[in-house]
Amino acid sequence: MGKLIPNTFNLVIVIFVALGSTACSYGMSVISSTIGQPTFYSYFHLATAGEPGYSHTSNLIGAMNGLNSAGSAFGAGFTSWSADKLGRKVSIQIGALVMIVGAALCAGSVNMGMFLVARFIAGFGIGMLITAIPMYQAECSTPHSRGFMVSMHGVMIAVGYSLSAWIGFGCYFISASGSQSSFPWRFPLAFQGFPAILLLLGSPWIPYSPRWLLQQNRPEEAHDVLRRLHHTSDDPHETTSEKEFYQMRKQLELDRQIKAKTGAFDIFATAPNRRRAFVGFTLMAGNQFTGVLIIANYGVLIYISLGMKTFIPLLLSALWVTLSLPGNIFTAFFIDKIGRRTFMLIGLGGITVCLICECALQAQFLGGTNVSGQRAAVFFIFLFIFFWSSFMDASQYLYLSEIFPTHIRSQGMAVGMVGLYLASIIVLVAGPIALEVITWKFFLILIIVTALQWINVFFLFPETKQRSLEDINVSFGEPVAVHYYGASAEEEKQYAAAVEEEERRHGVAVDKESRDIEHYHMEAGRKV
């Protein structure tokens, strides 16, 4: 655990900002439980499944999710500017505030127009938070703990999905008792603002990203924050954090030289950056076509089509998202050992098999009376979440936050998240209509795209485990000022000189006997 958690302060900061991750996933999935509440339909005078006029309801359900995703895309785009100009921390604070306003408007909606606008506003906040949080976590983590730390984003996303499902499930019984109160759908919508409120209230006490501080020419603050975040009891001389800080400074100098030749839109200005942008965009966009959004948001409709009645669809939906929590925890503990690329290949392969089986079973038993066949279809929906949560969910955010250099990381994160939300708009708007009109054939599209995504990862995605954020430049054909991972003897001498200089500057006596820099890093290199 020592390698995964440098100190308690680092862990607390990473988990605390992930309250925003919980708010995001709750807000993205809350419609799944909303459309399972009978009083939601009666309040807005909407036809339910099987009634005349349900096609209009399907269109509105698609619009609810589509506008939320559109708002998120705009929020991600805004964060590409704000995260550099105002900082990762301030972007998280703005996102939380917008999310709270959106949640309040959703819960207080008196007509469908107001509800749709509120979904867009809440989506804007989601887009800001889901873009800034993994970026902040990655920049606050050590190379050896980054997989674990950024996976807390995935773990807390799973918590949000679970909260949304179980709160919706519990509220269902208010309507089932005969009550015509709007509480069963208003309260779950309001609750999406609760984690954001906690985040906003506690945010003044979290530090700024050390890499952002360095970009703003505030090296003393950056140095102090990095030492606090990466202090370990077995490194009393702070050798590791001093080495990281030296690499960050040298790489920033090199990046600024490159940036001076590329201009404002550097993410598309060089071949390595264009490759990064392609990888980030296709990673996040392609993953939405695996079917995870369909099941997460319209699982209730799928279970109803497979013969489930009363509260069972909501119960299954709640169980499905809850199972994503242990999967994300698995990712946190093992992705730094096994690797990002391997995780994603296993996940996409398993998901493809699940989709093929699901498609075949729905083609045979959908709308029929064969209960065993319908239950088998439900089984593969649940097997799907095992592969998604264990190998894909947290991995995608982690990988996206790693592959871009610091000076364009906010732009790169935004490109990836815009890809996610553009794909979400397509999938979520078309989803309820496709499930009603072409039914099981919709899964054929998901199978093809998921298989193509596996090929994309296999050929174009380099491994990033154990590297510092600066070292990853090498994997995309760009120079590294000084290597942390696999440093040469000459580079080790540079690090040793930098550490000694820093200690002298702070009036610390250099004890070579207790701090053998070269030996320390040779040992670190063996732990890859």
Protein backbone atom coordinates (compact mmCIF):
# COMPACT_ATOMS: atom_id res chain seq x y z
CA MET A 1 0.00 0.00 0.00
CA GLY A 2 2.98 2.32 0.53
CA LYS A 3 3.55 2.68 -3.21
CA LEU A 4 -0.15 3.23 -3.89
CA ILE A 5 -0.70 5.77 -1.11
CA PRO A 6 2.28 8.08 -0.48
CA ASN A 7 0.56 9.67 2.54
CA THR A 8 -2.87 10.27 4.05
CA PHE A 9 -3.04 13.88 2.85
CA ASN A 10 -2.65 12.83 -0.79
CA LEU A 11 -5.34 10.16 -0.48
CA VAL A 12 -7.80 12.47 1.30
CA ILE A 13 -7.38 15.18 -1.36
CA VAL A 14 -7.88 12.74 -4.22
CA ILE A 15 -11.00 11.18 -2.66
CA PHE A 16 -12.45 14.51 -1.59
CA VAL A 17 -12.34 16.06 -5.07
CA ALA A 18 -13.96 12.83 -6.33
CA LEU A 19 -17.15 13.91 -4.57
CA GLY A 20 -17.58 15.79 -7.83
CA SER A 21 -17.24 12.47 -9.67
CA THR A 22 -20.12 11.13 -7.59
CA ALA A 23 -22.22 14.18 -8.45
CA CYS A 24 -21.43 13.67 -12.16
CA SER A 25 -22.39 10.01 -12.39
CA TYR A 26 -25.48 10.59 -10.25
CA GLY A 27 -26.56 13.42 -12.52
CA MET A 28 -25.86 11.47 -15.70
CA SER A 29 -27.82 8.41 -14.59
CA VAL A 30 -30.65 9.93 -12.55
CA ILE A 31 -32.99 9.82 -15.56
CA SER A 32 -32.76 6.03 -15.40
CA SER A 33 -34.69 6.07 -12.11
CA THR A 34 -36.79 9.11 -13.07
CA ILE A 35 -38.37 7.24 -16.00
CA GLY A 36 -39.24 4.43 -13.59
CA GLN A 37 -41.41 6.72 -11.42
CA PRO A 38 -45.12 6.60 -12.41
CA THR A 39 -45.83 10.12 -11.08
CA PHE A 40 -43.18 11.61 -13.39
CA TYR A 41 -45.29 10.52 -16.37
CA SER A 42 -48.56 11.67 -14.83
CA TYR A 43 -47.18 15.08 -13.77
CA PHE A 44 -45.94 15.92 -17.26
CA HIS A 45 -48.87 14.15 -18.99
CA LEU A 46 -46.67 11.62 -20.77
CA ALA A 47 -47.75 8.25 -22.15
CA THR A 48 -46.08 5.22 -20.58
CA ALA A 49 -44.66 2.19 -22.41
CA GLY A 50 -47.38 0.37 -24.36
CA GLU A 51 -49.78 3.33 -24.39
CA PRO A 52 -50.71 5.39 -27.46
CA GLY A 53 -48.37 8.36 -27.82
CA TYR A 54 -45.37 6.64 -26.24
CA SER A 55 -43.24 7.54 -29.26
CA HIS A 56 -43.51 11.20 -28.12
CA THR A 57 -42.38 10.12 -24.65
CA SER A 58 -39.41 8.28 -26.16
CA ASN A 59 -38.40 11.43 -28.03
CA LEU A 60 -38.57 13.49 -24.83
CA ILE A 61 -36.56 10.93 -22.85
CA GLY A 62 -33.92 11.10 -25.56
CA ALA A 63 -33.98 14.91 -25.38
CA MET A 64 -33.56 14.86 -21.58
CA ASN A 65 -30.34 12.90 -21.92
CA GLY A 66 -29.24 14.56 -25.15
CA LEU A 67 -29.45 18.07 -23.70
CA ASN A 68 -27.63 16.94 -20.58
CA SER A 69 -24.82 15.55 -22.75
CA ALA A 70 -24.80 18.69 -24.90
CA GLY A 71 -24.40 20.81 -21.77
CA SER A 72 -21.57 18.54 -20.66
CA ALA A 73 -19.80 18.96 -24.01
CA PHE A 74 -19.96 22.75 -23.61
CA GLY A 75 -18.76 22.43 -20.00
CA ALA A 76 -15.79 20.32 -21.10
CA GLY A 77 -14.94 22.88 -23.79
CA PHE A 78 -15.11 25.72 -21.28
CA THR A 79 -12.80 23.80 -18.94
CA SER A 80 -10.13 23.61 -21.66
CA TRP A 81 -9.81 27.37 -21.13
CA SER A 82 -10.62 27.75 -17.44
CA ALA A 83 -8.32 24.95 -16.22
CA ASP A 84 -5.32 26.79 -17.67
CA LYS A 85 -6.43 30.36 -17.05
CA LEU A 86 -8.06 29.98 -13.62
CA GLY A 87 -6.66 26.66 -12.49
CA ARG A 88 -7.84 23.09 -12.02
CA LYS A 89 -9.08 23.89 -8.50
CA VAL A 90 -11.15 26.93 -9.52
CA SER A 91 -12.61 25.00 -12.46
CA ILE A 92 -13.77 22.30 -10.04
CA GLN A 93 -15.36 24.97 -7.84
CA ILE A 94 -17.20 26.58 -10.77
CA GLY A 95 -18.38 23.19 -11.99
CA ALA A 96 -19.75 22.32 -8.55
CA LEU A 97 -21.63 25.62 -8.34
CA VAL A 98 -23.22 25.18 -11.78
CA MET A 99 -24.13 21.59 -10.90
CA ILE A 100 -25.94 22.76 -7.75
CA VAL A 101 -27.96 25.34 -9.71
CA GLY A 102 -28.86 22.74 -12.35
CA ALA A 103 -29.97 20.21 -9.71
CA ALA A 104 -32.20 22.77 -8.02
CA LEU A 105 -33.84 23.74 -11.31
CA CYS A 106 -34.40 20.09 -12.29
CA ALA A 107 -36.08 19.32 -8.98
CA GLY A 108 -38.21 22.48 -9.12
CA SER A 109 -39.34 22.13 -12.73
CA VAL A 110 -43.00 22.97 -13.35
CA ASN A 111 -43.12 22.14 -17.07
CA MET A 112 -41.14 20.11 -19.58
CA GLY A 113 -39.44 23.16 -21.12
CA MET A 114 -37.99 24.19 -17.76
CA PHE A 115 -36.92 20.61 -17.09
CA LEU A 116 -35.02 20.34 -20.38
CA VAL A 117 -33.20 23.66 -19.82
CA ALA A 118 -32.30 22.55 -16.29
CA ARG A 119 -30.85 19.32 -17.66
CA PHE A 120 -28.60 21.34 -19.96
CA ILE A 121 -27.37 23.53 -17.07
CA ALA A 122 -26.70 20.51 -14.86
CA GLY A 123 -24.87 18.95 -17.79
CA PHE A 124 -22.59 21.99 -18.10
CA GLY A 125 -21.51 21.50 -14.49
CA ILE A 126 -21.01 17.78 -15.07
CA GLY A 127 -18.81 18.49 -18.08
CA MET A 128 -16.59 20.82 -16.07
CA LEU A 129 -16.21 18.46 -13.13
CA ILE A 130 -15.63 15.27 -15.09
CA THR A 131 -12.95 17.02 -17.16
CA ALA A 132 -11.10 18.79 -14.34
CA ILE A 133 -11.18 16.14 -11.60
CA PRO A 134 -9.11 13.31 -13.17
CA MET A 135 -6.69 15.92 -14.54
CA TYR A 136 -6.23 17.34 -11.02
CA GLN A 137 -5.86 13.86 -9.51
CA ALA A 138 -3.23 12.84 -12.07
CA GLU A 139 -1.19 15.99 -11.49
CA CYS A 140 -1.22 15.43 -7.73
CA SER A 141 -0.11 11.78 -7.90
CA THR A 142 3.28 10.05 -7.96
CA PRO A 143 4.17 7.95 -11.03
CA HIS A 144 3.80 4.74 -9.01
CA SER A 145 0.44 5.68 -7.42
CA ARG A 146 -1.28 7.51 -10.28
CA GLY A 147 -3.31 4.50 -11.39
CA PHE A 148 -4.67 4.00 -7.89
CA MET A 149 -5.29 7.68 -7.24
CA VAL A 150 -7.07 8.52 -10.51
CA SER A 151 -9.07 5.29 -10.18
CA MET A 152 -10.74 6.96 -7.20
CA HIS A 153 -12.56 8.98 -9.87
CA GLY A 154 -13.98 5.71 -11.21
CA VAL A 155 -14.76 4.37 -7.74
CA MET A 156 -16.70 7.50 -6.81
CA ILE A 157 -18.46 7.48 -10.18
CA ALA A 158 -19.66 3.99 -9.25
CA VAL A 159 -20.85 5.36 -5.90
CA GLY A 160 -22.87 8.02 -7.73
CA TYR A 161 -24.47 5.49 -10.05
CA SER A 162 -25.37 3.32 -7.07
CA LEU A 163 -26.83 6.19 -5.06
CA SER A 164 -28.97 7.27 -8.00
CA ALA A 165 -30.33 3.78 -8.54
CA TRP A 166 -31.07 2.95 -4.91
CA ILE A 167 -32.63 6.32 -4.08
CA GLY A 168 -34.84 5.95 -7.15
CA PHE A 169 -35.73 2.41 -6.15
CA GLY A 170 -36.70 3.48 -2.64
CA CYS A 171 -38.80 6.38 -3.88
CA TYR A 172 -40.71 4.07 -6.23
CA PHE A 173 -42.62 2.60 -3.31
CA ILE A 174 -44.13 5.98 -2.46
CA SER A 175 -45.90 5.94 -5.82
CA ALA A 176 -46.62 2.21 -5.52
CA SER A 177 -48.54 2.92 -2.31
CA GLY A 178 -50.98 5.05 -4.30
CA SER A 179 -49.50 8.47 -3.57
CA GLN A 180 -49.66 11.05 -6.38
CA SER A 181 -46.88 13.12 -4.82
CA SER A 182 -44.13 14.40 -7.10
CA PHE A 183 -41.57 13.70 -4.35
CA PRO A 184 -40.52 10.31 -5.84
CA TRP A 185 -39.03 12.02 -8.90
CA ARG A 186 -38.20 15.48 -7.50
CA PHE A 187 -36.11 14.32 -4.53
CA PRO A 188 -33.74 12.09 -6.56
CA LEU A 189 -33.18 14.96 -9.00
CA ALA A 190 -32.44 17.37 -6.14
CA PHE A 191 -30.00 14.95 -4.48
CA GLN A 192 -27.56 15.23 -7.39
CA GLY A 193 -26.57 18.60 -5.94
CA PHE A 194 -25.68 17.21 -2.49
CA PRO A 195 -22.16 15.86 -3.28
CA ALA A 196 -21.46 19.06 -5.22
CA ILE A 197 -22.42 21.16 -2.17
CA LEU A 198 -19.99 19.19 0.02
CA LEU A 199 -17.26 19.63 -2.59
CA LEU A 200 -17.85 23.36 -2.91
CA LEU A 201 -17.83 23.90 0.85
CA GLY A 202 -14.58 22.01 1.38
CA SER A 203 -12.78 23.15 -1.76
CA PRO A 204 -11.01 26.20 -0.22
CA TRP A 205 -8.82 23.78 1.75
CA ILE A 206 -7.55 21.72 -1.18
CA PRO A 207 -4.23 22.77 -2.77
CA TYR A 208 -3.74 23.99 -6.31
CA SER A 209 -2.22 21.52 -8.75
CA PRO A 210 1.58 21.74 -8.42
CA ARG A 211 2.01 21.53 -12.19
CA TRP A 212 -0.46 24.36 -12.74
CA LEU A 213 1.35 26.48 -10.14
CA LEU A 214 4.62 25.86 -11.95
CA GLN A 215 2.99 26.93 -15.22
CA GLN A 216 1.92 30.17 -13.53
CA ASN A 217 5.52 30.89 -12.50
CA ARG A 218 4.84 30.14 -8.84
CA PRO A 219 7.62 27.58 -8.26
CA GLU A 220 7.90 27.99 -4.48
CA GLU A 221 4.20 27.21 -3.99
CA ALA A 222 4.43 24.31 -6.46
CA HIS A 223 7.42 22.90 -4.62
CA ASP A 224 5.73 23.13 -1.21
CA VAL A 225 2.52 21.49 -2.47
CA LEU A 226 4.43 18.66 -4.17
CA ARG A 227 6.42 17.92 -1.01
CA ARG A 228 3.22 17.76 1.05
CA LEU A 229 1.48 15.51 -1.45
CA HIS A 230 4.38 13.11 -2.03
CA HIS A 231 6.05 12.94 1.39
CA THR A 232 6.67 9.37 2.56
CA SER A 233 8.02 8.10 5.86
CA ASP A 234 10.71 6.00 4.12
CA ASP A 235 12.07 9.02 2.21
CA PRO A 236 12.99 11.55 4.93
CA HIS A 237 15.15 13.60 2.55
CA GLU A 238 12.21 14.05 0.12
CA THR A 239 14.43 12.67 -2.64
CA THR A 240 11.50 11.43 -4.73
CA SER A 241 9.57 14.68 -4.70
CA GLU A 242 12.76 16.66 -5.41
CA LYS A 243 13.45 14.46 -8.41
CA GLU A 244 9.88 14.88 -9.65
CA PHE A 245 10.05 18.64 -9.19
CA TYR A 246 13.33 18.88 -11.10
CA GLN A 247 11.86 16.92 -14.00
CA MET A 248 8.71 19.06 -13.98
CA ARG A 249 10.77 22.26 -14.17
CA LYS A 250 13.04 21.02 -16.95
CA GLN A 251 10.11 19.65 -18.98
CA LEU A 252 8.18 22.90 -18.59
CA GLU A 253 11.16 24.78 -20.03
CA LEU A 254 11.26 22.40 -23.01
CA ASP A 255 7.47 22.54 -23.50
CA ARG A 256 7.57 26.33 -23.56
CA GLN A 257 10.16 26.22 -26.32
CA ILE A 258 7.90 23.91 -28.32
CA LYS A 259 4.80 25.98 -27.59
CA ALA A 260 6.50 29.15 -28.85
CA LYS A 261 6.60 27.55 -32.30
CA THR A 262 3.07 26.10 -32.36
CA GLY A 263 0.68 28.88 -31.27
CA ALA A 264 -2.65 28.76 -29.42
CA PHE A 265 -4.06 25.49 -30.80
CA ASP A 266 -1.00 23.38 -30.05
CA ILE A 267 -3.06 20.24 -29.56
CA PHE A 268 -3.46 20.03 -33.34
CA ALA A 269 -0.18 21.72 -34.32
CA THR A 270 2.23 18.75 -34.21
CA ALA A 271 2.00 15.11 -35.31
CA PRO A 272 2.48 13.73 -31.74
CA ASN A 273 -0.27 16.01 -30.42
CA ARG A 274 -2.62 15.09 -33.24
CA ARG A 275 -2.06 11.45 -32.41
CA ARG A 276 -2.78 12.15 -28.76
CA ALA A 277 -5.97 14.01 -29.72
CA PHE A 278 -7.08 11.10 -31.92
CA VAL A 279 -6.35 8.56 -29.18
CA GLY A 280 -8.15 10.62 -26.53
CA PHE A 281 -11.18 11.38 -28.68
CA THR A 282 -11.67 7.84 -29.98
CA LEU A 283 -11.05 6.36 -26.53
CA MET A 284 -13.87 8.29 -24.91
CA ALA A 285 -16.25 8.41 -27.89
CA GLY A 286 -15.83 4.76 -28.86
CA ASN A 287 -16.37 3.52 -25.32
CA GLN A 288 -19.85 5.06 -25.25
CA PHE A 289 -20.85 2.75 -28.12
CA THR A 290 -20.13 -0.34 -26.06
CA GLY A 291 -23.68 -0.08 -24.75
CA VAL A 292 -22.82 1.03 -21.23
CA LEU A 293 -24.89 4.22 -21.56
CA ILE A 294 -27.84 2.31 -22.97
CA ILE A 295 -27.92 -0.10 -20.04
CA ALA A 296 -27.14 2.56 -17.42
CA ASN A 297 -29.83 4.97 -18.63
CA TYR A 298 -32.41 2.72 -20.25
CA GLY A 299 -31.88 -0.51 -18.36
CA VAL A 300 -35.37 -0.16 -16.91
CA LEU A 301 -36.82 -0.18 -20.44
CA ILE A 302 -34.70 -3.22 -21.41
CA TYR A 303 -35.80 -5.18 -18.35
CA ILE A 304 -39.44 -4.33 -19.03
CA SER A 305 -39.05 -5.57 -22.61
CA LEU A 306 -37.63 -8.81 -21.19
CA GLY A 307 -40.79 -9.39 -19.18
CA MET A 308 -39.87 -7.85 -15.82
CA LYS A 309 -42.72 -6.09 -14.00
CA THR A 310 -43.56 -3.80 -11.05
CA PHE A 311 -40.44 -2.84 -9.04
CA ILE A 312 -38.18 -5.53 -10.54
CA PRO A 313 -36.78 -3.34 -13.39
CA LEU A 314 -35.72 -0.65 -10.91
CA LEU A 315 -34.28 -3.28 -8.57
CA LEU A 316 -32.24 -4.87 -11.36
CA SER A 317 -31.03 -1.45 -12.49
CA ALA A 318 -29.90 -0.66 -8.91
CA LEU A 319 -28.11 -4.00 -8.55
CA TRP A 320 -26.42 -3.57 -11.94
CA VAL A 321 -24.84 -0.21 -11.14
CA THR A 322 -23.93 -1.29 -7.61
CA LEU A 323 -21.84 -4.11 -9.04
CA SER A 324 -19.67 -1.49 -10.75
CA LEU A 325 -18.22 -0.46 -7.37
CA PRO A 326 -16.11 -3.59 -6.64
CA GLY A 327 -14.98 -3.59 -10.27
CA ASN A 328 -13.59 -0.07 -10.01
CA ILE A 329 -11.89 -0.94 -6.72
CA PHE A 330 -10.23 -3.87 -8.52
CA THR A 331 -8.95 -1.43 -11.14
CA ALA A 332 -7.50 0.85 -8.47
CA PHE A 333 -5.40 -1.92 -6.93
CA PHE A 334 -4.16 -3.67 -10.05
CA ILE A 335 -3.95 -1.26 -12.98
CA ASP A 336 -0.52 0.03 -11.93
CA LYS A 337 0.76 -3.56 -11.94
CA ILE A 338 -0.96 -4.96 -15.03
CA GLY A 339 -1.11 -1.83 -17.18
CA ARG A 340 -3.70 0.42 -18.81
CA ARG A 341 -3.46 -1.09 -22.28
CA THR A 342 -3.90 -4.69 -21.05
CA PHE A 343 -6.87 -3.69 -18.93
CA MET A 344 -8.66 -2.04 -21.85
CA LEU A 345 -8.01 -4.94 -24.23
CA ILE A 346 -9.41 -7.45 -21.73
CA GLY A 347 -12.42 -5.23 -21.04
CA LEU A 348 -13.32 -4.57 -24.67
CA GLY A 349 -12.87 -8.25 -25.56
CA GLY A 350 -15.17 -9.38 -22.75
CA ILE A 351 -17.76 -6.72 -23.56
CA THR A 352 -17.84 -7.79 -27.22
CA VAL A 353 -18.62 -11.37 -26.21
CA CYS A 354 -21.37 -10.18 -23.84
CA LEU A 355 -22.97 -8.03 -26.57
CA ILE A 356 -22.94 -10.90 -29.07
CA CYS A 357 -24.66 -13.22 -26.59
CA GLU A 358 -27.14 -10.51 -25.55
CA CYS A 359 -28.03 -9.79 -29.19
CA ALA A 360 -28.58 -13.47 -29.96
CA LEU A 361 -30.76 -14.02 -26.88
CA GLN A 362 -32.89 -10.93 -27.46
CA ALA A 363 -33.36 -11.88 -31.11
CA GLN A 364 -34.70 -15.25 -29.98
CA PHE A 365 -36.67 -14.47 -26.82
CA LEU A 366 -37.60 -10.76 -26.79
CA GLY A 367 -41.37 -10.34 -26.57
CA GLY A 368 -41.88 -14.07 -26.06
CA THR A 369 -42.89 -16.23 -23.13
CA ASN A 370 -39.65 -18.17 -22.61
CA VAL A 371 -38.70 -16.99 -19.13
CA SER A 372 -35.42 -18.92 -19.08
CA GLY A 373 -34.25 -17.26 -22.29
CA GLN A 374 -35.18 -13.83 -20.99
CA ARG A 375 -33.32 -14.46 -17.74
CA ALA A 376 -30.27 -15.56 -19.72
CA ALA A 377 -30.42 -12.19 -21.51
CA VAL A 378 -30.46 -10.45 -18.12
CA PHE A 379 -27.43 -12.53 -17.06
CA PHE A 380 -25.31 -11.21 -19.95
CA ILE A 381 -26.31 -7.65 -19.09
CA PHE A 382 -24.87 -8.31 -15.63
CA LEU A 383 -21.75 -10.02 -17.02
CA PHE A 384 -21.27 -6.88 -19.12
CA ILE A 385 -20.91 -4.70 -16.02
CA PHE A 386 -18.19 -7.00 -14.67
CA PHE A 387 -15.98 -6.37 -17.71
CA TRP A 388 -16.89 -2.68 -17.96
CA SER A 389 -16.31 -1.77 -14.31
CA SER A 390 -13.25 -3.96 -13.75
CA PHE A 391 -11.32 -3.03 -16.88
CA MET A 392 -12.78 0.02 -18.64
CA ASP A 393 -14.59 2.50 -16.39
CA ALA A 394 -11.76 4.05 -14.37
CA SER A 395 -9.12 3.05 -16.94
CA GLN A 396 -10.45 5.39 -19.62
CA TYR A 397 -10.31 8.50 -17.40
CA LEU A 398 -6.88 7.54 -16.10
CA TYR A 399 -5.45 7.04 -19.58
CA LEU A 400 -6.95 10.27 -20.92
CA SER A 401 -5.49 12.27 -18.03
CA GLU A 402 -2.00 10.87 -18.63
CA ILE A 403 -1.27 11.09 -22.35
CA PHE A 404 -1.13 14.88 -22.78
CA PRO A 405 1.79 17.09 -21.65
CA THR A 406 0.99 19.64 -18.96
CA HIS A 407 0.77 22.67 -21.23
CA ILE A 408 -2.03 21.09 -23.32
CA ARG A 409 -3.53 18.68 -20.77
CA SER A 410 -6.67 20.78 -20.30
CA GLN A 411 -7.18 20.98 -24.08
CA GLY A 412 -6.61 17.24 -24.42
CA MET A 413 -8.98 16.36 -21.61
CA ALA A 414 -11.59 18.59 -23.22
CA VAL A 415 -11.14 16.92 -26.62
CA GLY A 416 -11.63 13.50 -25.03
CA MET A 417 -14.64 14.55 -22.98
CA VAL A 418 -16.26 16.33 -25.93
CA GLY A 419 -15.86 13.02 -27.77
CA LEU A 420 -17.57 11.26 -24.88
CA TYR A 421 -20.51 13.64 -24.86
CA LEU A 422 -20.96 13.87 -28.63
CA ALA A 423 -21.14 10.08 -28.69
CA SER A 424 -23.48 10.20 -25.68
CA ILE A 425 -25.84 12.52 -27.52
CA ILE A 426 -26.04 10.09 -30.44
CA VAL A 427 -26.46 7.03 -28.24
CA LEU A 428 -28.84 8.51 -25.68
CA VAL A 429 -31.09 10.33 -28.15
CA ALA A 430 -31.27 7.35 -30.50
CA GLY A 431 -31.33 4.76 -27.70
CA PRO A 432 -34.96 4.78 -26.55
CA ILE A 433 -36.19 5.09 -30.14
CA ALA A 434 -33.93 2.26 -31.33
CA LEU A 435 -34.95 0.00 -28.45
CA GLU A 436 -38.59 0.54 -29.40
CA VAL A 437 -38.29 0.37 -33.21
CA ILE A 438 -35.42 -1.98 -34.14
CA THR A 439 -35.14 -3.68 -30.71
CA TRP A 440 -32.36 -6.32 -30.65
CA LYS A 441 -30.84 -5.19 -33.96
CA PHE A 442 -29.52 -2.11 -32.13
CA PHE A 443 -27.01 -4.41 -30.45
CA LEU A 444 -25.46 -5.25 -33.83
CA ILE A 445 -24.26 -1.64 -34.08
CA LEU A 446 -22.79 -1.81 -30.58
CA ILE A 447 -20.98 -5.07 -31.39
CA ILE A 448 -19.33 -3.66 -34.52
CA VAL A 449 -18.15 -0.44 -32.86
CA THR A 450 -16.83 -2.27 -29.77
CA ALA A 451 -14.83 -4.69 -31.93
CA LEU A 452 -13.35 -1.76 -33.87
CA GLN A 453 -12.46 -0.09 -30.57
CA TRP A 454 -10.49 -3.19 -29.53
CA ILE A 455 -8.47 -2.94 -32.77
CA ASN A 456 -7.94 0.79 -32.17
CA VAL A 457 -6.52 0.19 -28.68
CA PHE A 458 -4.33 -2.70 -29.83
CA PHE A 459 -2.58 -0.77 -32.59
CA LEU A 460 -2.52 2.85 -31.38
CA PHE A 461 -2.49 2.97 -27.58
CA PRO A 462 0.96 2.85 -25.90
CA GLU A 463 1.43 1.64 -22.32
CA THR A 464 1.82 4.38 -19.68
CA LYS A 465 2.11 2.55 -16.35
CA GLN A 466 4.83 3.61 -13.89
CA ARG A 467 5.91 6.56 -16.05
CA SER A 468 5.81 10.11 -14.79
CA LEU A 469 3.46 12.38 -16.73
CA GLU A 470 6.51 13.94 -18.35
CA ASP A 471 8.04 10.57 -19.35
CA ILE A 472 4.96 9.64 -21.39
CA ASN A 473 6.07 12.11 -24.09
CA VAL A 474 8.48 9.44 -25.34
CA SER A 475 5.60 7.11 -26.20
CA PHE A 476 4.24 9.70 -28.61
CA GLY A 477 7.56 10.55 -30.26
CA GLU A 478 8.39 13.72 -28.35
CA PRO A 479 11.55 14.56 -26.36
CA VAL A 480 11.78 14.40 -22.57
CA ALA A 481 14.03 16.95 -20.91
CA VAL A 482 15.22 14.45 -18.31
CA HIS A 483 13.85 10.95 -17.72
CA TYR A 484 12.33 9.80 -14.43
CA TYR A 485 11.49 6.29 -15.67
CA GLY A 486 14.67 4.52 -16.81
CA ALA A 487 16.92 7.50 -16.14
CA SER A 488 20.47 7.24 -17.50
CA ALA A 489 23.57 7.55 -15.32
CA GLU A 490 24.08 11.10 -16.57
CA GLU A 491 20.48 12.02 -15.72
CA GLU A 492 20.89 10.51 -12.24
CA LYS A 493 23.85 12.84 -11.73
CA GLN A 494 21.65 15.77 -12.76
CA TYR A 495 19.03 14.69 -10.22
CA ALA A 496 21.62 14.28 -7.48
CA ALA A 497 23.04 17.72 -8.17
CA ALA A 498 19.54 19.26 -8.19
CA VAL A 499 18.62 17.62 -4.89
CA GLU A 500 21.84 18.74 -3.23
CA GLU A 501 21.35 22.27 -4.52
CA GLU A 502 17.81 22.34 -3.14
CA GLU A 503 18.99 21.12 0.24
CA ARG A 504 21.72 23.73 0.40
CA ARG A 505 19.23 26.42 -0.54
CA HIS A 506 17.09 25.40 2.43
CA GLY A 507 20.08 25.03 4.74
CA VAL A 508 19.85 21.25 5.03
CA ALA A 509 23.04 19.25 5.54
CA VAL A 510 23.63 16.69 2.79
CA ASP A 511 24.14 13.20 4.21
CA LYS A 512 25.40 11.05 1.33
CA GLU A 513 25.64 7.95 3.50
CA SER A 514 21.92 7.89 4.29
CA ARG A 515 20.77 9.06 0.88
CA ASP A 516 22.35 7.28 -2.06
CA ILE A 517 20.41 8.79 -4.95
CA GLU A 518 21.63 6.47 -7.63
CA HIS A 519 20.90 3.33 -5.65
CA TYR A 520 17.44 4.61 -4.75
CA HIS A 521 16.45 5.07 -8.38
CA MET A 522 17.95 1.79 -9.52
CA GLU A 523 15.72 0.13 -6.94
CA ALA A 524 12.70 2.17 -8.06
CA GLY A 525 13.32 1.08 -11.65
CA ARG A 526 13.17 -2.58 -10.66
CA LYS A 527 9.65 -2.14 -9.24
CA VAL A 528 8.03 -1.49 -12.62
